[in-house]
């Protein structure tokens, strides 16, 4: 995932930094993405845990 630019940042994260890392990669406002993550129904919890396990922390 690191080769494609998906990393969890060390700063600006609330929980594990998954949404912050996705927002940075996709060039989207982090708060907008967090809001969508909470409001839109779907399997976000499962996706978050999988991404948390798979996304490395930035160096």
C-alpha atoms as a PDB file:
ATOM      1  CA  UNK A   1       0.000   0.000   0.000  1.00  0.00           C
ATOM      2  CA  UNK A   2       2.894   2.334   0.716  1.00  0.00           C
ATOM      3  CA  UNK A   3       4.028   2.113  -2.923  1.00  0.00           C
ATOM      4  CA  UNK A   4       0.658   3.519  -3.994  1.00  0.00           C
ATOM      5  CA  UNK A   5       0.759   6.362  -1.455  1.00  0.00           C
ATOM      6  CA  UNK A   6      -1.631   4.915   1.114  1.00  0.00           C
ATOM      7  CA  UNK A   7      -0.123   5.615   4.524  1.00  0.00           C
ATOM      8  CA  UNK A   8      -1.534   6.624   7.897  1.00  0.00           C
ATOM      9  CA  UNK A   9      -0.106  10.017   8.905  1.00  0.00           C
ATOM     10  CA  UNK A  10       1.495  10.536  12.288  1.00  0.00           C
ATOM     11  CA  UNK A  11      -0.180  13.933  12.750  1.00  0.00           C
ATOM     12  CA  UNK A  12      -3.772  15.003  12.196  1.00  0.00           C
ATOM     13  CA  UNK A  13      -5.350  11.683  13.006  1.00  0.00           C
ATOM     14  CA  UNK A  14      -8.206  11.009  15.401  1.00  0.00           C
ATOM     15  CA  UNK A  15      -8.177   7.256  15.898  1.00  0.00           C
ATOM     16  CA  UNK A  16      -5.711   5.310  13.796  1.00  0.00           C
ATOM     17  CA  UNK A  17      -5.348   7.773  10.926  1.00  0.00           C
ATOM     18  CA  UNK A  18      -7.042   5.669   8.258  1.00  0.00           C
ATOM     19  CA  UNK A  19      -9.483   8.378   7.131  1.00  0.00           C
ATOM     20  CA  UNK A  20      -6.771  11.050   7.338  1.00  0.00           C
ATOM     21  CA  UNK A  21      -4.523   8.927   5.120  1.00  0.00           C
ATOM     22  CA  UNK A  22      -7.286   8.358   2.587  1.00  0.00           C
ATOM     23  CA  UNK A  23      -8.153  12.066   2.561  1.00  0.00           C
ATOM     24  CA  UNK A  24      -4.529  12.988   1.957  1.00  0.00           C
ATOM     25  CA  UNK A  25      -4.145  10.434  -0.866  1.00  0.00           C
ATOM     26  CA  UNK A  26      -7.404  11.430  -2.591  1.00  0.00           C
ATOM     27  CA  UNK A  27      -6.856  15.185  -1.960  1.00  0.00           C
ATOM     28  CA  UNK A  28     -10.179  15.539  -0.127  1.00  0.00           C
ATOM     29  CA  UNK A  29     -10.992  17.560   2.985  1.00  0.00           C
ATOM     30  CA  UNK A  30     -10.412  15.214   5.921  1.00  0.00           C
ATOM     31  CA  UNK A  31     -13.484  16.430   7.838  1.00  0.00           C
ATOM     32  CA  UNK A  32     -15.735  15.899   4.823  1.00  0.00           C
ATOM     33  CA  UNK A  33     -14.460  12.336   4.463  1.00  0.00           C
ATOM     34  CA  UNK A  34     -14.910  11.714   8.200  1.00  0.00           C
ATOM     35  CA  UNK A  35     -18.474  13.001   8.002  1.00  0.00           C
ATOM     36  CA  UNK A  36     -19.241  10.770   5.022  1.00  0.00           C
ATOM     37  CA  UNK A  37     -17.678   7.830   6.811  1.00  0.00           C
ATOM     38  CA  UNK A  38     -20.046   8.289   9.758  1.00  0.00           C
ATOM     39  CA  UNK A  39     -23.248   9.331   7.938  1.00  0.00           C
ATOM     40  CA  UNK A  40     -23.353   7.093   4.855  1.00  0.00           C
ATOM     41  CA  UNK A  41     -24.540   3.577   5.694  1.00  0.00           C
ATOM     42  CA  UNK A  42     -22.319   0.654   4.768  1.00  0.00           C
ATOM     43  CA  UNK A  43     -19.562  -1.612   6.017  1.00  0.00           C
ATOM     44  CA  UNK A  44     -17.288   1.204   7.219  1.00  0.00           C
ATOM     45  CA  UNK A  45     -16.283  -0.474  10.467  1.00  0.00           C
ATOM     46  CA  UNK A  46     -15.042  -3.571   8.661  1.00  0.00           C
ATOM     47  CA  UNK A  47     -13.279  -1.471   6.016  1.00  0.00           C
ATOM     48  CA  UNK A  48     -11.675   0.692   8.709  1.00  0.00           C
ATOM     49  CA  UNK A  49     -10.276  -2.319  10.564  1.00  0.00           C
ATOM     50  CA  UNK A  50      -8.964  -3.889   7.340  1.00  0.00           C
ATOM     51  CA  UNK A  51      -7.327  -0.620   6.272  1.00  0.00           C
ATOM     52  CA  UNK A  52      -5.925  -0.070   9.760  1.00  0.00           C
ATOM     53  CA  UNK A  53      -4.226  -3.456   9.533  1.00  0.00           C
ATOM     54  CA  UNK A  54      -3.045  -2.945   5.955  1.00  0.00           C
ATOM     55  CA  UNK A  55      -1.986   0.714   5.838  1.00  0.00           C
ATOM     56  CA  UNK A  56       1.490   1.380   7.173  1.00  0.00           C
ATOM     57  CA  UNK A  57       2.248   4.435   9.315  1.00  0.00           C
ATOM     58  CA  UNK A  58       4.153   7.151   7.501  1.00  0.00           C
ATOM     59  CA  UNK A  59       7.860   7.297   8.240  1.00  0.00           C
END
